[in-house]
PDB file of all heavy atoms in Angstrom:
ATOM      1  N   ARG A   1      86.249  75.828  91.559  1.00  0.00           N
ATOM      2  CA  ARG A   1      86.949  75.790  92.840  1.00  0.00           C
ATOM      3  C   ARG A   1      87.385  74.356  93.139  1.00  0.00           C
ATOM      4  O   ARG A   1      86.680  73.397  92.815  1.00  0.00           O
ATOM      5  CB  ARG A   1      86.053  76.314  93.967  1.00  0.00           C
ATOM      6  CG  ARG A   1      85.668  77.778  93.793  1.00  0.00           C
ATOM      7  CD  ARG A   1      84.679  78.247  94.858  1.00  0.00           C
ATOM      8  NE  ARG A   1      84.306  79.631  94.651  1.00  0.00           N
ATOM      9  CZ  ARG A   1      84.918  80.675  95.216  1.00  0.00           C
ATOM     10  NH1 ARG A   1      85.926  80.456  96.069  1.00  0.00           N
ATOM     11  NH2 ARG A   1      84.521  81.905  94.976  1.00  0.00           N
ATOM     12  N   SER A   2      88.541  74.235  93.784  1.00  0.00           N
ATOM     13  CA  SER A   2      89.071  72.913  94.103  1.00  0.00           C
ATOM     14  C   SER A   2      89.877  72.983  95.392  1.00  0.00           C
ATOM     15  O   SER A   2      90.363  74.053  95.789  1.00  0.00           O
ATOM     16  CB  SER A   2      89.954  72.393  92.968  1.00  0.00           C
ATOM     17  OG  SER A   2      91.046  73.277  92.745  1.00  0.00           O
ATOM     18  N   THR A   3      89.998  71.840  96.060  1.00  0.00           N
ATOM     19  CA  THR A   3      90.810  71.755  97.272  1.00  0.00           C
ATOM     20  C   THR A   3      92.269  71.523  96.888  1.00  0.00           C
ATOM     21  O   THR A   3      92.567  70.666  96.053  1.00  0.00           O
ATOM     22  CB  THR A   3      90.324  70.609  98.173  1.00  0.00           C
ATOM     23  OG1 THR A   3      88.965  70.864  98.544  1.00  0.00           O
ATOM     24  CG2 THR A   3      91.175  70.507  99.425  1.00  0.00           C
ATOM     25  N   VAL A   4      93.156  72.287  97.488  1.00  0.00           N
ATOM     26  CA  VAL A   4      94.586  72.197  97.191  1.00  0.00           C
ATOM     27  C   VAL A   4      95.303  71.610  98.402  1.00  0.00           C
ATOM     28  O   VAL A   4      95.263  72.186  99.499  1.00  0.00           O
ATOM     29  CB  VAL A   4      95.176  73.584  96.854  1.00  0.00           C
ATOM     30  CG1 VAL A   4      96.676  73.473  96.591  1.00  0.00           C
ATOM     31  CG2 VAL A   4      94.461  74.185  95.654  1.00  0.00           C
ATOM     32  N   ASN A   5      95.938  70.464  98.217  1.00  0.00           N
ATOM     33  CA  ASN A   5      96.748  69.846  99.264  1.00  0.00           C
ATOM     34  C   ASN A   5      98.156  70.437  99.199  1.00  0.00           C
ATOM     35  O   ASN A   5      98.835  70.338  98.170  1.00  0.00           O
ATOM     36  CB  ASN A   5      96.798  68.329  99.076  1.00  0.00           C
ATOM     37  CG  ASN A   5      97.454  67.618 100.248  1.00  0.00           C
ATOM     38  OD1 ASN A   5      98.220  68.222 101.005  1.00  0.00           O
ATOM     39  ND2 ASN A   5      97.175  66.344 100.404  1.00  0.00           N
ATOM     40  N   LEU A   6      98.595  71.072 100.279  1.00  0.00           N
ATOM     41  CA  LEU A   6      99.890  71.738 100.287  1.00  0.00           C
ATOM     42  C   LEU A   6     101.053  70.768 100.493  1.00  0.00           C
ATOM     43  O   LEU A   6     102.214  71.142 100.325  1.00  0.00           O
ATOM     44  CB  LEU A   6      99.917  72.816 101.373  1.00  0.00           C
ATOM     45  CG  LEU A   6      98.844  73.902 101.236  1.00  0.00           C
ATOM     46  CD1 LEU A   6      98.926  74.870 102.413  1.00  0.00           C
ATOM     47  CD2 LEU A   6      98.984  74.650  99.916  1.00  0.00           C
ATOM     48  N   HIS A   7     100.753  69.534 100.904  1.00  0.00           N
ATOM     49  CA  HIS A   7     101.775  68.489 101.079  1.00  0.00           C
ATOM     50  C   HIS A   7     102.910  68.962 101.993  1.00  0.00           C
ATOM     51  O   HIS A   7     104.094  68.830 101.674  1.00  0.00           O
ATOM     52  CB  HIS A   7     102.335  68.046  99.727  1.00  0.00           C
ATOM     53  CG  HIS A   7     101.307  67.405  98.842  1.00  0.00           C
ATOM     54  ND1 HIS A   7     100.777  66.151  99.097  1.00  0.00           N
ATOM     55  CD2 HIS A   7     100.696  67.858  97.714  1.00  0.00           C
ATOM     56  CE1 HIS A   7      99.890  65.855  98.147  1.00  0.00           C
ATOM     57  NE2 HIS A   7      99.821  66.868  97.318  1.00  0.00           N
ATOM     58  N   LEU A   8     102.527  69.534 103.125  1.00  0.00           N
ATOM     59  CA  LEU A   8     103.507  70.016 104.101  1.00  0.00           C
ATOM     60  C   LEU A   8     103.510  69.115 105.329  1.00  0.00           C
ATOM     61  O   LEU A   8     102.498  68.491 105.646  1.00  0.00           O
ATOM     62  CB  LEU A   8     103.171  71.452 104.514  1.00  0.00           C
ATOM     63  CG  LEU A   8     103.329  72.505 103.405  1.00  0.00           C
ATOM     64  CD1 LEU A   8     102.753  73.836 103.858  1.00  0.00           C
ATOM     65  CD2 LEU A   8     104.793  72.656 103.019  1.00  0.00           C
ATOM     66  N   PRO A   9     104.638  69.045 106.045  1.00  0.00           N
ATOM     67  CA  PRO A   9     104.689  68.222 107.259  1.00  0.00           C
ATOM     68  C   PRO A   9     103.661  68.695 108.288  1.00  0.00           C
ATOM     69  O   PRO A   9     103.359  69.890 108.390  1.00  0.00           O
ATOM     70  CB  PRO A   9     106.114  68.429 107.772  1.00  0.00           C
ATOM     71  CG  PRO A   9     106.895  68.908 106.589  1.00  0.00           C
ATOM     72  CD  PRO A   9     105.926  69.689 105.743  1.00  0.00           C
ATOM     73  N   GLU A  10     103.137  67.757 109.046  1.00  0.00           N
ATOM     74  CA  GLU A  10     102.171  68.095 110.089  1.00  0.00           C
ATOM     75  C   GLU A  10     102.862  68.889 111.202  1.00  0.00           C
ATOM     76  O   GLU A  10     104.005  68.614 111.565  1.00  0.00           O
ATOM     77  CB  GLU A  10     101.568  66.812 110.676  1.00  0.00           C
ATOM     78  CG  GLU A  10     100.442  67.052 111.666  1.00  0.00           C
ATOM     79  CD  GLU A  10      99.793  65.754 112.122  1.00  0.00           C
ATOM     80  OE1 GLU A  10     100.062  64.709 111.501  1.00  0.00           O
ATOM     81  OE2 GLU A  10      99.027  65.799 113.099  1.00  0.00           O
ATOM     82  N   VAL A  11     102.159  69.871 111.722  1.00  0.00           N
ATOM     83  CA  VAL A  11     102.720  70.706 112.789  1.00  0.00           C
ATOM     84  C   VAL A  11     102.874  69.880 114.064  1.00  0.00           C
ATOM     85  O   VAL A  11     101.962  69.149 114.467  1.00  0.00           O
ATOM     86  CB  VAL A  11     101.813  71.932 113.051  1.00  0.00           C
ATOM     87  CG1 VAL A  11     102.239  72.661 114.319  1.00  0.00           C
ATOM     88  CG2 VAL A  11     101.871  72.882 111.865  1.00  0.00           C
ATOM     89  N   GLN A  12     104.029  70.012 114.700  1.00  0.00           N
ATOM     90  CA  GLN A  12     104.278  69.318 115.958  1.00  0.00           C
ATOM     91  C   GLN A  12     103.451  69.970 117.061  1.00  0.00           C
ATOM     92  O   GLN A  12     103.589  71.165 117.323  1.00  0.00           O
ATOM     93  CB  GLN A  12     105.765  69.376 116.315  1.00  0.00           C
ATOM     94  CG  GLN A  12     106.140  68.676 117.603  1.00  0.00           C
ATOM     95  CD  GLN A  12     105.901  67.176 117.523  1.00  0.00           C
ATOM     96  OE1 GLN A  12     106.162  66.558 116.513  1.00  0.00           O
ATOM     97  NE2 GLN A  12     105.417  66.603 118.597  1.00  0.00           N
ATOM     98  N   ARG A  13     102.606  69.181 117.722  1.00  0.00           N
ATOM     99  CA  ARG A  13     101.667  69.730 118.708  1.00  0.00           C
ATOM    100  C   ARG A  13     102.158  69.576 120.147  1.00  0.00           C
ATOM    101  O   ARG A  13     101.666  70.245 121.045  1.00  0.00           O
ATOM    102  CB  ARG A  13     100.315  69.036 118.560  1.00  0.00           C
ATOM    103  CG  ARG A  13      99.704  69.176 117.158  1.00  0.00           C
ATOM    104  CD  ARG A  13      99.025  70.494 116.992  1.00  0.00           C
ATOM    105  NE  ARG A  13      97.897  70.604 117.895  1.00  0.00           N
ATOM    106  CZ  ARG A  13      96.686  70.103 117.643  1.00  0.00           C
ATOM    107  NH1 ARG A  13      96.446  69.469 116.501  1.00  0.00           N
ATOM    108  NH2 ARG A  13      95.709  70.254 118.505  1.00  0.00           N
ATOM    109  N   LEU A  14     103.075  68.649 120.390  1.00  0.00           N
ATOM    110  CA  LEU A  14     103.631  68.448 121.731  1.00  0.00           C
ATOM    111  C   LEU A  14     105.117  68.790 121.718  1.00  0.00           C
ATOM    112  O   LEU A  14     105.861  68.316 120.856  1.00  0.00           O
ATOM    113  CB  LEU A  14     103.444  67.001 122.202  1.00  0.00           C
ATOM    114  CG  LEU A  14     102.006  66.528 122.419  1.00  0.00           C
ATOM    115  CD1 LEU A  14     101.994  65.062 122.841  1.00  0.00           C
ATOM    116  CD2 LEU A  14     101.306  67.377 123.467  1.00  0.00           C
ATOM    117  N   HIS A  15     105.519  69.617 122.666  1.00  0.00           N
ATOM    118  CA  HIS A  15     106.915  70.032 122.757  1.00  0.00           C
ATOM    119  C   HIS A  15     107.387  69.767 124.184  1.00  0.00           C
ATOM    120  O   HIS A  15     106.666  70.059 125.151  1.00  0.00           O
ATOM    121  CB  HIS A  15     107.057  71.511 122.414  1.00  0.00           C
ATOM    122  CG  HIS A  15     106.629  71.844 121.014  1.00  0.00           C
ATOM    123  ND1 HIS A  15     107.522  72.087 120.001  1.00  0.00           N
ATOM    124  CD2 HIS A  15     105.396  71.949 120.454  1.00  0.00           C
ATOM    125  CE1 HIS A  15     106.863  72.343 118.878  1.00  0.00           C
ATOM    126  NE2 HIS A  15     105.567  72.267 119.134  1.00  0.00           N
ATOM    127  N   GLY A  16     108.592  69.240 124.315  1.00  0.00           N
ATOM    128  CA  GLY A  16     109.037  68.826 125.634  1.00  0.00           C
ATOM    129  C   GLY A  16     110.400  69.367 126.031  1.00  0.00           C
ATOM    130  O   GLY A  16     111.202  69.795 125.200  1.00  0.00           O
ATOM    131  N   PHE A  17     110.637  69.339 127.326  1.00  0.00           N
ATOM    132  CA  PHE A  17     111.929  69.708 127.914  1.00  0.00           C
ATOM    133  C   PHE A  17     112.236  68.700 129.015  1.00  0.00           C
ATOM    134  O   PHE A  17     111.357  68.382 129.827  1.00  0.00           O
ATOM    135  CB  PHE A  17     111.859  71.129 128.500  1.00  0.00           C
ATOM    136  CG  PHE A  17     113.041  71.490 129.360  1.00  0.00           C
ATOM    137  CD1 PHE A  17     114.279  71.761 128.797  1.00  0.00           C
ATOM    138  CD2 PHE A  17     112.919  71.556 130.744  1.00  0.00           C
ATOM    139  CE1 PHE A  17     115.370  72.089 129.592  1.00  0.00           C
ATOM    140  CE2 PHE A  17     113.994  71.889 131.543  1.00  0.00           C
ATOM    141  CZ  PHE A  17     115.223  72.160 130.965  1.00  0.00           C
ATOM    142  N   VAL A  18     113.452  68.191 129.028  1.00  0.00           N
ATOM    143  CA  VAL A  18     113.848  67.176 130.001  1.00  0.00           C
ATOM    144  C   VAL A  18     115.012  67.693 130.833  1.00  0.00           C
ATOM    145  O   VAL A  18     115.953  68.306 130.306  1.00  0.00           O
ATOM    146  CB  VAL A  18     114.266  65.866 129.288  1.00  0.00           C
ATOM    147  CG1 VAL A  18     114.747  64.840 130.302  1.00  0.00           C
ATOM    148  CG2 VAL A  18     113.117  65.297 128.479  1.00  0.00           C
ATOM    149  N   PHE A  19     114.958  67.454 132.130  1.00  0.00           N
ATOM    150  CA  PHE A  19     116.066  67.784 133.026  1.00  0.00           C
ATOM    151  C   PHE A  19     116.212  66.680 134.062  1.00  0.00           C
ATOM    152  O   PHE A  19     115.216  66.238 134.635  1.00  0.00           O
ATOM    153  CB  PHE A  19     115.831  69.119 133.743  1.00  0.00           C
ATOM    154  CG  PHE A  19     116.932  69.453 134.706  1.00  0.00           C
ATOM    155  CD1 PHE A  19     118.106  70.026 134.251  1.00  0.00           C
ATOM    156  CD2 PHE A  19     116.809  69.152 136.060  1.00  0.00           C
ATOM    157  CE1 PHE A  19     119.138  70.307 135.148  1.00  0.00           C
ATOM    158  CE2 PHE A  19     117.833  69.427 136.946  1.00  0.00           C
ATOM    159  CZ  PHE A  19     119.001  70.011 136.490  1.00  0.00           C
ATOM    160  N   PRO A  20     117.433  66.204 134.298  1.00  0.00           N
ATOM    161  CA  PRO A  20     118.673  66.538 133.595  1.00  0.00           C
ATOM    162  C   PRO A  20     118.802  65.750 132.299  1.00  0.00           C
ATOM    163  O   PRO A  20     117.951  64.927 131.984  1.00  0.00           O
ATOM    164  CB  PRO A  20     119.743  66.122 134.606  1.00  0.00           C
ATOM    165  CG  PRO A  20     119.123  64.954 135.314  1.00  0.00           C
ATOM    166  CD  PRO A  20     117.663  65.280 135.430  1.00  0.00           C
ATOM    167  N   ASP A  21     119.885  65.999 131.569  1.00  0.00           N
ATOM    168  CA  ASP A  21     120.098  65.300 130.305  1.00  0.00           C
ATOM    169  C   ASP A  21     120.433  63.828 130.519  1.00  0.00           C
ATOM    170  O   ASP A  21     120.175  62.995 129.655  1.00  0.00           O
ATOM    171  CB  ASP A  21     121.232  65.960 129.509  1.00  0.00           C
ATOM    172  CG  ASP A  21     120.858  67.351 129.023  1.00  0.00           C
ATOM    173  OD1 ASP A  21     119.653  67.587 128.827  1.00  0.00           O
ATOM    174  OD2 ASP A  21     121.760  68.177 128.847  1.00  0.00           O
ATOM    175  N   GLU A  22     121.027  63.511 131.651  1.00  0.00           N
ATOM    176  CA  GLU A  22     121.428  62.135 131.943  1.00  0.00           C
ATOM    177  C   GLU A  22     121.013  61.764 133.357  1.00  0.00           C
ATOM    178  O   GLU A  22     120.964  62.622 134.253  1.00  0.00           O
ATOM    179  CB  GLU A  22     122.945  61.969 131.803  1.00  0.00           C
ATOM    180  CG  GLU A  22     123.475  62.216 130.397  1.00  0.00           C
ATOM    181  CD  GLU A  22     124.986  62.038 130.325  1.00  0.00           C
ATOM    182  OE1 GLU A  22     125.609  61.874 131.396  1.00  0.00           O
ATOM    183  OE2 GLU A  22     125.529  62.068 129.204  1.00  0.00           O
ATOM    184  N   LEU A  23     120.713  60.492 133.556  1.00  0.00           N
ATOM    185  CA  LEU A  23     120.382  59.969 134.880  1.00  0.00           C
ATOM    186  C   LEU A  23     121.355  58.856 135.237  1.00  0.00           C
ATOM    187  O   LEU A  23     121.889  58.169 134.371  1.00  0.00           O
ATOM    188  CB  LEU A  23     118.952  59.412 134.904  1.00  0.00           C
ATOM    189  CG  LEU A  23     117.805  60.408 134.724  1.00  0.00           C
ATOM    190  CD1 LEU A  23     116.476  59.668 134.676  1.00  0.00           C
ATOM    191  CD2 LEU A  23     117.802  61.423 135.862  1.00  0.00           C
ATOM    192  N   VAL A  24     121.564  58.701 136.540  1.00  0.00           N
ATOM    193  CA  VAL A  24     122.365  57.586 137.045  1.00  0.00           C
ATOM    194  C   VAL A  24     121.459  56.359 137.131  1.00  0.00           C
ATOM    195  O   VAL A  24     120.361  56.421 137.690  1.00  0.00           O
ATOM    196  CB  VAL A  24     122.950  57.909 138.433  1.00  0.00           C
ATOM    197  CG1 VAL A  24     123.732  56.706 138.969  1.00  0.00           C
ATOM    198  CG2 VAL A  24     123.843  59.145 138.347  1.00  0.00           C
TER     199      VAL A  24
END
């Protein structure tokens, strides 16, 4: 038995939404 590294990108744990798209 051996450990297999899948070499995949880390899952994004924080997701955001911004309003509005632009500020004065």
